[in-house]
C-alpha cells in the first residue's frame, strides 16, 4: 500500500500510517522467521538424516528428512503460537 501519489488529495491519517507500518513490520518479521526456520531445518535435519551426501536420497534418508522436518515445523509452530499469545496478553495488560 503506497500513500504517495494516491490521487485522493488527502494525506493519510497517522492511524493509517501507523497501521501500514505495523503491517510492514509484521510481514518482514514473518519473512525473517520463515528464513530462520528453513535454515534451522536444513542445518539440523540434513546433518542428522544424510551422513554421506550422494546423487540421490535413499528411502530411509527421505523418511528421516520428512519426519525431522515435520517435527521441527510442529515445534516451531507451537513456540510461535505461544509467543504470539503471550505478546497479546502483555499488550492487553500494558494498555489497561
PDB file of N, CA and C in Angstrom:
ATOM      1  N   UNK A   1       0.844  -1.162   0.000  1.00  0.00           N
ATOM      2  CA  UNK A   1       0.000   0.000   0.000  1.00  0.00           C
ATOM      3  C   UNK A   1       0.890   1.226   0.000  1.00  0.00           C
ATOM      4  N   UNK A   2       0.712   2.094  -0.945  1.00  0.00           N
ATOM      5  CA  UNK A   2       1.521   3.295  -1.052  1.00  0.00           C
ATOM      6  C   UNK A   2       0.645   4.516  -0.851  1.00  0.00           C
ATOM      7  N   UNK A   3       1.138   5.438  -0.046  1.00  0.00           N
ATOM      8  CA  UNK A   3       0.404   6.665   0.198  1.00  0.00           C
ATOM      9  C   UNK A   3       0.799   7.758  -0.774  1.00  0.00           C
ATOM     10  N   UNK A   4       1.917   7.602  -1.441  1.00  0.00           N
ATOM     11  CA  UNK A   4       2.414   8.621  -2.347  1.00  0.00           C
ATOM     12  C   UNK A   4       1.696   8.517  -3.681  1.00  0.00           C
ATOM     13  N   UNK A   5       1.206   9.643  -4.157  1.00  0.00           N
ATOM     14  CA  UNK A   5       0.555   9.658  -5.462  1.00  0.00           C
ATOM     15  C   UNK A   5      -0.734   8.878  -5.494  1.00  0.00           C
ATOM     16  N   UNK A   6      -1.417   8.801  -4.358  1.00  0.00           N
ATOM     17  CA  UNK A   6      -2.649   8.019  -4.337  1.00  0.00           C
ATOM     18  C   UNK A   6      -3.774   8.698  -5.103  1.00  0.00           C
ATOM     19  N   UNK A   7      -3.615  10.007  -5.347  1.00  0.00           N
ATOM     20  CA  UNK A   7      -4.615  10.699  -6.138  1.00  0.00           C
ATOM     21  C   UNK A   7      -5.840  11.117  -5.358  1.00  0.00           C
ATOM     22  N   UNK A   8      -5.914  10.771  -4.082  1.00  0.00           N
ATOM     23  CA  UNK A   8      -7.096  11.129  -3.311  1.00  0.00           C
ATOM     24  C   UNK A   8      -7.055  12.574  -2.856  1.00  0.00           C
ATOM     25  N   UNK A   9      -5.882  13.192  -2.881  1.00  0.00           N
ATOM     26  CA  UNK A   9      -5.759  14.579  -2.494  1.00  0.00           C
ATOM     27  C   UNK A   9      -5.694  14.783  -0.995  1.00  0.00           C
ATOM     28  N   UNK A  10      -5.869  13.754  -0.212  1.00  0.00           N
ATOM     29  CA  UNK A  10      -5.781  13.901   1.235  1.00  0.00           C
ATOM     30  C   UNK A  10      -4.605  13.098   1.753  1.00  0.00           C
ATOM     31  N   UNK A  11      -3.999  13.642   2.797  1.00  0.00           N
ATOM     32  CA  UNK A  11      -2.886  12.937   3.417  1.00  0.00           C
ATOM     33  C   UNK A  11      -3.435  11.805   4.271  1.00  0.00           C
ATOM     34  N   UNK A  12      -2.684  10.731   4.370  1.00  0.00           N
ATOM     35  CA  UNK A  12      -3.140   9.628   5.222  1.00  0.00           C
ATOM     36  C   UNK A  12      -3.096  10.065   6.687  1.00  0.00           C
ATOM     37  N   UNK A  13      -4.029   9.566   7.452  1.00  0.00           N
ATOM     38  CA  UNK A  13      -4.045   9.887   8.879  1.00  0.00           C
ATOM     39  C   UNK A  13      -2.889   9.176   9.562  1.00  0.00           C
ATOM     40  N   UNK A  14      -2.555   9.637  10.757  1.00  0.00           N
ATOM     41  CA  UNK A  14      -1.458   8.998  11.477  1.00  0.00           C
ATOM     42  C   UNK A  14      -1.817   7.557  11.816  1.00  0.00           C
ATOM     43  N   UNK A  15      -3.097   7.265  12.020  1.00  0.00           N
ATOM     44  CA  UNK A  15      -3.511   5.878  12.280  1.00  0.00           C
ATOM     45  C   UNK A  15      -3.273   5.015  11.046  1.00  0.00           C
ATOM     46  N   UNK A  16      -3.592   5.535   9.873  1.00  0.00           N
ATOM     47  CA  UNK A  16      -3.355   4.777   8.636  1.00  0.00           C
ATOM     48  C   UNK A  16      -1.871   4.510   8.444  1.00  0.00           C
ATOM     49  N   UNK A  17      -1.054   5.534   8.703  1.00  0.00           N
ATOM     50  CA  UNK A  17       0.396   5.370   8.563  1.00  0.00           C
ATOM     51  C   UNK A  17       0.897   4.341   9.566  1.00  0.00           C
ATOM     52  N   UNK A  18       0.432   4.456  10.816  1.00  0.00           N
ATOM     53  CA  UNK A  18       0.840   3.507  11.855  1.00  0.00           C
ATOM     54  C   UNK A  18       0.422   2.089  11.480  1.00  0.00           C
ATOM     55  N   UNK A  19      -0.818   1.923  11.034  1.00  0.00           N
ATOM     56  CA  UNK A  19      -1.310   0.599  10.642  1.00  0.00           C
ATOM     57  C   UNK A  19      -0.491   0.020   9.488  1.00  0.00           C
ATOM     58  N   UNK A  20      -0.157   0.864   8.515  1.00  0.00           N
ATOM     59  CA  UNK A  20       0.647   0.405   7.378  1.00  0.00           C
ATOM     60  C   UNK A  20       2.038  -0.010   7.835  1.00  0.00           C
ATOM     61  N   UNK A  21       2.625   0.759   8.747  1.00  0.00           N
ATOM     62  CA  UNK A  21       3.951   0.412   9.260  1.00  0.00           C
ATOM     63  C   UNK A  21       3.912  -0.877  10.065  1.00  0.00           C
ATOM     64  N   UNK A  22       2.875  -1.042  10.870  1.00  0.00           N
ATOM     65  CA  UNK A  22       2.736  -2.269  11.660  1.00  0.00           C
ATOM     66  C   UNK A  22       2.622  -3.476  10.731  1.00  0.00           C
ATOM     67  N   UNK A  23       1.816  -3.356   9.682  1.00  0.00           N
ATOM     68  CA  UNK A  23       1.664  -4.459   8.723  1.00  0.00           C
ATOM     69  C   UNK A  23       2.982  -4.772   8.028  1.00  0.00           C
ATOM     70  N   UNK A  24       3.729  -3.732   7.675  1.00  0.00           N
ATOM     71  CA  UNK A  24       5.011  -3.943   7.009  1.00  0.00           C
ATOM     72  C   UNK A  24       5.997  -4.636   7.943  1.00  0.00           C
ATOM     73  N   UNK A  25       6.054  -4.200   9.191  1.00  0.00           N
ATOM     74  CA  UNK A  25       6.955  -4.825  10.163  1.00  0.00           C
ATOM     75  C   UNK A  25       6.548  -6.275  10.400  1.00  0.00           C
ATOM     76  N   UNK A  26       5.251  -6.536  10.489  1.00  0.00           N
ATOM     77  CA  UNK A  26       4.779  -7.905  10.680  1.00  0.00           C
ATOM     78  C   UNK A  26       5.157  -8.791   9.494  1.00  0.00           C
ATOM     79  N   UNK A  27       5.015  -8.271   8.290  1.00  0.00           N
ATOM     80  CA  UNK A  27       5.368  -9.041   7.096  1.00  0.00           C
ATOM     81  C   UNK A  27       6.864  -9.319   7.057  1.00  0.00           C
ATOM     82  N   UNK A  28       7.668  -8.319   7.392  1.00  0.00           N
ATOM     83  CA  UNK A  28       9.117  -8.512   7.402  1.00  0.00           C
ATOM     84  C   UNK A  28       9.526  -9.490   8.492  1.00  0.00           C
ATOM     85  N   UNK A  29       8.866  -9.429   9.635  1.00  0.00           N
ATOM     86  CA  UNK A  29       9.148 -10.362  10.721  1.00  0.00           C
ATOM     87  C   UNK A  29       8.779 -11.790  10.323  1.00  0.00           C
ATOM     88  N   UNK A  30       7.640 -11.950   9.673  1.00  0.00           N
ATOM     89  CA  UNK A  30       7.225 -13.278   9.213  1.00  0.00           C
ATOM     90  C   UNK A  30       8.217 -13.842   8.207  1.00  0.00           C
ATOM     91  N   UNK A  31       8.717 -12.995   7.310  1.00  0.00           N
ATOM     92  CA  UNK A  31       9.696 -13.445   6.319  1.00  0.00           C
ATOM     93  C   UNK A  31      11.002 -13.848   7.003  1.00  0.00           C
ATOM     94  N   UNK A  32      11.440 -13.069   7.971  1.00  0.00           N
ATOM     95  CA  UNK A  32      12.663 -13.403   8.706  1.00  0.00           C
ATOM     96  C   UNK A  32      12.486 -14.708   9.471  1.00  0.00           C
ATOM     97  N   UNK A  33      11.312 -14.909  10.065  1.00  0.00           N
ATOM     98  CA  UNK A  33      11.040 -16.155  10.777  1.00  0.00           C
ATOM     99  C   UNK A  33      11.041 -17.347   9.827  1.00  0.00           C
ATOM    100  N   UNK A  34      10.468 -17.187   8.648  1.00  0.00           N
ATOM    101  CA  UNK A  34      10.450 -18.274   7.664  1.00  0.00           C
ATOM    102  C   UNK A  34      11.867 -18.626   7.227  1.00  0.00           C
ATOM    103  N   UNK A  35      12.678 -17.609   6.978  1.00  0.00           N
ATOM    104  CA  UNK A  35      14.077 -17.864   6.600  1.00  0.00           C
ATOM    105  C   UNK A  35      14.813 -18.597   7.711  1.00  0.00           C
ATOM    106  N   UNK A  36      14.593 -18.152   8.934  1.00  0.00           N
ATOM    107  CA  UNK A  36      15.242 -18.786  10.077  1.00  0.00           C
ATOM    108  C   UNK A  36      14.806 -20.242  10.214  1.00  0.00           C
ATOM    109  N   UNK A  37      13.516 -20.494  10.045  1.00  0.00           N
ATOM    110  CA  UNK A  37      13.004 -21.864  10.125  1.00  0.00           C
ATOM    111  C   UNK A  37      13.647 -22.745   9.064  1.00  0.00           C
ATOM    112  N   UNK A  38      13.702 -22.272   7.841  1.00  0.00           N
ATOM    113  CA  UNK A  38      14.298 -23.054   6.751  1.00  0.00           C
ATOM    114  C   UNK A  38      15.768 -23.333   7.033  1.00  0.00           C
ATOM    115  N   UNK A  39      16.482 -22.328   7.518  1.00  0.00           N
ATOM    116  CA  UNK A  39      17.899 -22.508   7.840  1.00  0.00           C
ATOM    117  C   UNK A  39      18.073 -23.551   8.931  1.00  0.00           C
ATOM    118  N   UNK A  40      17.286 -23.463   9.991  1.00  0.00           N
ATOM    119  CA  UNK A  40      17.397 -24.410  11.105  1.00  0.00           C
ATOM    120  C   UNK A  40      17.028 -25.827  10.671  1.00  0.00           C
ATOM    121  N   UNK A  41      15.982 -25.958   9.872  1.00  0.00           N
ATOM    122  CA  UNK A  41      15.597 -27.285   9.382  1.00  0.00           C
ATOM    123  C   UNK A  41      16.729 -27.867   8.542  1.00  0.00           C
ATOM    124  N   UNK A  42      17.289 -27.057   7.651  1.00  0.00           N
ATOM    125  CA  UNK A  42      18.398 -27.534   6.822  1.00  0.00           C
ATOM    126  C   UNK A  42      19.581 -27.960   7.673  1.00  0.00           C
ATOM    127  N   UNK A  43      19.962 -27.129   8.636  1.00  0.00           N
ATOM    128  CA  UNK A  43      21.114 -27.438   9.481  1.00  0.00           C
ATOM    129  C   UNK A  43      20.894 -28.715  10.280  1.00  0.00           C
ATOM    130  N   UNK A  44      19.744 -28.810  10.933  1.00  0.00           N
ATOM    131  CA  UNK A  44      19.509 -29.924  11.844  1.00  0.00           C
ATOM    132  C   UNK A  44      19.103 -31.213  11.140  1.00  0.00           C
ATOM    133  N   UNK A  45      18.161 -31.141  10.239  1.00  0.00           N
ATOM    134  CA  UNK A  45      17.659 -32.357   9.606  1.00  0.00           C
ATOM    135  C   UNK A  45      18.642 -32.925   8.590  1.00  0.00           C
ATOM    136  N   UNK A  46      19.281 -32.067   7.832  1.00  0.00           N
ATOM    137  CA  UNK A  46      20.215 -32.556   6.823  1.00  0.00           C
ATOM    138  C   UNK A  46      21.372 -33.291   7.483  1.00  0.00           C
ATOM    139  N   UNK A  47      21.966 -32.683   8.512  1.00  0.00           N
ATOM    140  CA  UNK A  47      23.115 -33.323   9.158  1.00  0.00           C
ATOM    141  C   UNK A  47      22.706 -34.594   9.897  1.00  0.00           C
ATOM    142  N   UNK A  48      21.486 -34.635  10.411  1.00  0.00           N
ATOM    143  CA  UNK A  48      21.014 -35.812  11.133  1.00  0.00           C
ATOM    144  C   UNK A  48      20.682 -36.966  10.187  1.00  0.00           C
ATOM    145  N   UNK A  49      20.073 -36.653   9.054  1.00  0.00           N
ATOM    146  CA  UNK A  49      19.499 -37.687   8.194  1.00  0.00           C
ATOM    147  C   UNK A  49      20.377 -38.106   7.019  1.00  0.00           C
ATOM    148  N   UNK A  50      21.340 -37.279   6.651  1.00  0.00           N
ATOM    149  CA  UNK A  50      22.155 -37.590   5.476  1.00  0.00           C
ATOM    150  C   UNK A  50      23.633 -37.566   5.872  1.00  0.00           C
ATOM    151  N   UNK A  51      24.133 -38.701   6.359  1.00  0.00           N
ATOM    152  CA  UNK A  51      25.525 -38.746   6.821  1.00  0.00           C
ATOM    153  C   UNK A  51      26.541 -38.597   5.686  1.00  0.00           C
ATOM    154  N   UNK A  52      26.230 -39.162   4.533  1.00  0.00           N
ATOM    155  CA  UNK A  52      27.133 -39.047   3.380  1.00  0.00           C
ATOM    156  C   UNK A  52      26.317 -38.660   2.152  1.00  0.00           C
ATOM    157  N   UNK A  53      26.331 -37.375   1.785  1.00  0.00           N
ATOM    158  CA  UNK A  53      25.556 -36.928   0.620  1.00  0.00           C
ATOM    159  C   UNK A  53      25.969 -37.654  -0.656  1.00  0.00           C
ATOM    160  N   UNK A  54      25.001 -37.946  -1.482  1.00  0.00           N
ATOM    161  CA  UNK A  54      25.244 -38.600  -2.758  1.00  0.00           C
ATOM    162  C   UNK A  54      24.372 -37.989  -3.833  1.00  0.00           C
ATOM    163  N   UNK A  55      24.271 -38.700  -4.940  1.00  0.00           N
ATOM    164  CA  UNK A  55      23.498 -38.200  -6.076  1.00  0.00           C
ATOM    165  C   UNK A  55      21.996 -38.238  -5.813  1.00  0.00           C
ATOM    166  N   UNK A  56      21.549 -39.130  -4.941  1.00  0.00           N
ATOM    167  CA  UNK A  56      20.124 -39.227  -4.629  1.00  0.00           C
ATOM    168  C   UNK A  56      19.955 -39.650  -3.174  1.00  0.00           C
ATOM    169  N   UNK A  57      18.739 -39.500  -2.691  1.00  0.00           N
ATOM    170  CA  UNK A  57      18.441 -39.876  -1.313  1.00  0.00           C
ATOM    171  C   UNK A  57      17.882 -41.292  -1.273  1.00  0.00           C
ATOM    172  N   UNK A  58      18.304 -42.037  -0.267  1.00  0.00           N
ATOM    173  CA  UNK A  58      17.729 -43.364  -0.073  1.00  0.00           C
ATOM    174  C   UNK A  58      16.336 -43.206   0.529  1.00  0.00           C
ATOM    175  N   UNK A  59      15.575 -44.285   0.527  1.00  0.00           N
ATOM    176  CA  UNK A  59      14.229 -44.244   1.109  1.00  0.00           C
ATOM    177  C   UNK A  59      14.306 -43.901   2.594  1.00  0.00           C
ATOM    178  N   UNK A  60      15.291 -44.446   3.278  1.00  0.00           N
ATOM    179  CA  UNK A  60      15.465 -44.156   4.703  1.00  0.00           C
ATOM    180  C   UNK A  60      15.801 -42.694   4.949  1.00  0.00           C
ATOM    181  N   UNK A  61      16.649 -42.129   4.094  1.00  0.00           N
ATOM    182  CA  UNK A  61      17.005 -40.714   4.220  1.00  0.00           C
ATOM    183  C   UNK A  61      15.793 -39.825   3.956  1.00  0.00           C
ATOM    184  N   UNK A  62      15.002 -40.186   2.961  1.00  0.00           N
ATOM    185  CA  UNK A  62      13.794 -39.412   2.657  1.00  0.00           C
ATOM    186  C   UNK A  62      12.816 -39.437   3.831  1.00  0.00           C
ATOM    187  N   UNK A  63      12.624 -40.625   4.402  1.00  0.00           N
ATOM    188  CA  UNK A  63      11.723 -40.762   5.547  1.00  0.00           C
ATOM    189  C   UNK A  63      12.239 -39.965   6.733  1.00  0.00           C
ATOM    190  N   UNK A  64      13.533 -40.074   6.992  1.00  0.00           N
ATOM    191  CA  UNK A  64      14.149 -39.339   8.092  1.00  0.00           C
ATOM    192  C   UNK A  64      13.968 -37.832   7.909  1.00  0.00           C
ATOM    193  N   UNK A  65      14.236 -37.334   6.701  1.00  0.00           N
ATOM    194  CA  UNK A  65      14.081 -35.902   6.425  1.00  0.00           C
ATOM    195  C   UNK A  65      12.635 -35.452   6.616  1.00  0.00           C
ATOM    196  N   UNK A  66      11.705 -36.230   6.103  1.00  0.00           N
ATOM    197  CA  UNK A  66      10.292 -35.882   6.232  1.00  0.00           C
ATOM    198  C   UNK A  66       9.874 -35.827   7.694  1.00  0.00           C
ATOM    199  N   UNK A  67      10.223 -36.864   8.452  1.00  0.00           N
ATOM    200  CA  UNK A  67       9.864 -36.906   9.871  1.00  0.00           C
ATOM    201  C   UNK A  67      10.513 -35.764  10.647  1.00  0.00           C
ATOM    202  N   UNK A  68      11.784 -35.527  10.382  1.00  0.00           N
ATOM    203  CA  UNK A  68      12.520 -34.468  11.071  1.00  0.00           C
ATOM    204  C   UNK A  68      11.901 -33.104  10.775  1.00  0.00           C
ATOM    205  N   UNK A  69      11.626 -32.853   9.511  1.00  0.00           N
ATOM    206  CA  UNK A  69      11.045 -31.562   9.126  1.00  0.00           C
ATOM    207  C   UNK A  69       9.663 -31.371   9.747  1.00  0.00           C
ATOM    208  N   UNK A  70       8.845 -32.402   9.735  1.00  0.00           N
ATOM    209  CA  UNK A  70       7.502 -32.293  10.306  1.00  0.00           C
ATOM    210  C   UNK A  70       7.559 -32.008  11.804  1.00  0.00           C
ATOM    211  N   UNK A  71       8.448 -32.698  12.509  1.00  0.00           N
ATOM    212  CA  UNK A  71       8.589 -32.466  13.948  1.00  0.00           C
ATOM    213  C   UNK A  71       9.118 -31.071  14.226  1.00  0.00           C
ATOM    214  N   UNK A  72      10.127 -30.671  13.473  1.00  0.00           N
ATOM    215  CA  UNK A  72      10.741 -29.362  13.683  1.00  0.00           C
ATOM    216  C   UNK A  72       9.736 -28.247  13.411  1.00  0.00           C
ATOM    217  N   UNK A  73       8.972 -28.370  12.344  1.00  0.00           N
ATOM    218  CA  UNK A  73       7.985 -27.344  11.994  1.00  0.00           C
ATOM    219  C   UNK A  73       6.847 -27.321  13.019  1.00  0.00           C
ATOM    220  N   UNK A  74       6.412 -28.482  13.494  1.00  0.00           N
ATOM    221  CA  UNK A  74       5.360 -28.523  14.516  1.00  0.00           C
ATOM    222  C   UNK A  74       5.841 -27.848  15.799  1.00  0.00           C
ATOM    223  N   UNK A  75       7.077 -28.121  16.182  1.00  0.00           N
ATOM    224  CA  UNK A  75       7.652 -27.485  17.365  1.00  0.00           C
ATOM    225  C   UNK A  75       7.733 -25.976  17.170  1.00  0.00           C
ATOM    226  N   UNK A  76       8.218 -25.566  16.005  1.00  0.00           N
ATOM    227  CA  UNK A  76       8.340 -24.141  15.681  1.00  0.00           C
ATOM    228  C   UNK A  76       6.975 -23.456  15.754  1.00  0.00           C
ATOM    229  N   UNK A  77       5.959 -24.098  15.198  1.00  0.00           N
ATOM    230  CA  UNK A  77       4.609 -23.528  15.217  1.00  0.00           C
ATOM    231  C   UNK A  77       4.088 -23.374  16.641  1.00  0.00           C
ATOM    232  N   UNK A  78       4.348 -24.356  17.485  1.00  0.00           N
ATOM    233  CA  UNK A  78       3.891 -24.281  18.876  1.00  0.00           C
ATOM    234  C   UNK A  78       4.594 -23.151  19.622  1.00  0.00           C
ATOM    235  N   UNK A  79       5.888 -23.017  19.424  1.00  0.00           N
ATOM    236  CA  UNK A  79       6.630 -21.925  20.058  1.00  0.00           C
ATOM    237  C   UNK A  79       6.114 -20.578  19.555  1.00  0.00           C
ATOM    238  N   UNK A  80       5.891 -20.467  18.254  1.00  0.00           N
ATOM    239  CA  UNK A  80       5.385 -19.216  17.679  1.00  0.00           C
ATOM    240  C   UNK A  80       4.001 -18.878  18.213  1.00  0.00           C
ATOM    241  N   UNK A  81       3.136 -19.875  18.311  1.00  0.00           N
ATOM    242  CA  UNK A  81       1.781 -19.667  18.814  1.00  0.00           C
ATOM    243  C   UNK A  81       1.829 -19.206  20.279  1.00  0.00           C
ATOM    244  N   UNK A  82       2.666 -19.849  21.077  1.00  0.00           N
ATOM    245  CA  UNK A  82       2.797 -19.481  22.482  1.00  0.00           C
ATOM    246  C   UNK A  82       3.337 -18.063  22.621  1.00  0.00           C
ATOM    247  N   UNK A  83       4.334 -17.737  21.821  1.00  0.00           N
ATOM    248  CA  UNK A  83       4.912 -16.390  21.846  1.00  0.00           C
ATOM    249  C   UNK A  83       3.860 -15.353  21.450  1.00  0.00           C
ATOM    250  N   UNK A  84       3.122 -15.635  20.393  1.00  0.00           N
ATOM    251  CA  UNK A  84       2.084 -14.708  19.921  1.00  0.00           C
ATOM    252  C   UNK A  84       1.026 -14.484  21.004  1.00  0.00           C
ATOM    253  N   UNK A  85       0.581 -15.556  21.641  1.00  0.00           N
ATOM    254  CA  UNK A  85      -0.424 -15.439  22.699  1.00  0.00           C
ATOM    255  C   UNK A  85       0.109 -14.621  23.875  1.00  0.00           C
ATOM    256  N   UNK A  86       1.342 -14.876  24.230  1.00  0.00           N
ATOM    257  CA  UNK A  86       1.945 -14.148  25.348  1.00  0.00           C
ATOM    258  C   UNK A  86       2.081 -12.663  25.022  1.00  0.00           C
ATOM    259  N   UNK A  87       2.481 -12.357  23.796  1.00  0.00           N
ATOM    260  CA  UNK A  87       2.605 -10.956  23.389  1.00  0.00           C
ATOM    261  C   UNK A  87       1.239 -10.272  23.416  1.00  0.00           C
ATOM    262  N   UNK A  88       0.198 -10.988  23.019  1.00  0.00           N
ATOM    263  CA  UNK A  88      -1.147 -10.433  23.075  1.00  0.00           C
ATOM    264  C   UNK A  88      -1.578 -10.135  24.499  1.00  0.00           C
ATOM    265  N   UNK A  89      -1.286 -11.053  25.415  1.00  0.00           N
ATOM    266  CA  UNK A  89      -1.622 -10.834  26.820  1.00  0.00           C
ATOM    267  C   UNK A  89      -0.852  -9.649  27.390  1.00  0.00           C
ATOM    268  N   UNK A  90       0.429  -9.561  27.063  1.00  0.00           N
ATOM    269  CA  UNK A  90       1.247  -8.442  27.544  1.00  0.00           C
ATOM    270  C   UNK A  90       0.738  -7.122  26.980  1.00  0.00           C
ATOM    271  N   UNK A  91       0.361  -7.132  25.728  1.00  0.00           N
ATOM    272  CA  UNK A  91      -0.157  -5.918  25.095  1.00  0.00           C
ATOM    273  C   UNK A  91      -1.442  -5.460  25.780  1.00  0.00           C
ATOM    274  N   UNK A  92      -2.329  -6.410  26.068  1.00  0.00           N
ATOM    275  CA  UNK A  92      -3.571  -6.072  26.763  1.00  0.00           C
ATOM    276  C   UNK A  92      -3.286  -5.556  28.166  1.00  0.00           C
ATOM    277  N   UNK A  93      -2.349  -6.194  28.849  1.00  0.00           N
ATOM    278  CA  UNK A  93      -2.005  -5.792  30.209  1.00  0.00           C
ATOM    279  C   UNK A  93      -1.445  -4.372  30.224  1.00  0.00           C
ATOM    280  N   UNK A  94      -0.607  -4.048  29.255  1.00  0.00           N
ATOM    281  CA  UNK A  94       0.009  -2.726  29.208  1.00  0.00           C
ATOM    282  C   UNK A  94      -0.969  -1.633  28.796  1.00  0.00           C
ATOM    283  N   UNK A  95      -2.016  -2.004  28.083  1.00  0.00           N
ATOM    284  CA  UNK A  95      -2.970  -0.990  27.625  1.00  0.00           C
ATOM    285  C   UNK A  95      -4.037  -0.673  28.667  1.00  0.00           C
ATOM    286  N   UNK A  96      -4.049  -1.412  29.757  1.00  0.00           N
ATOM    287  CA  UNK A  96      -5.059  -1.152  30.807  1.00  0.00           C
ATOM    288  C   UNK A  96      -4.693   0.043  31.628  1.00  0.00           C
TER     289      UNK A  96
END
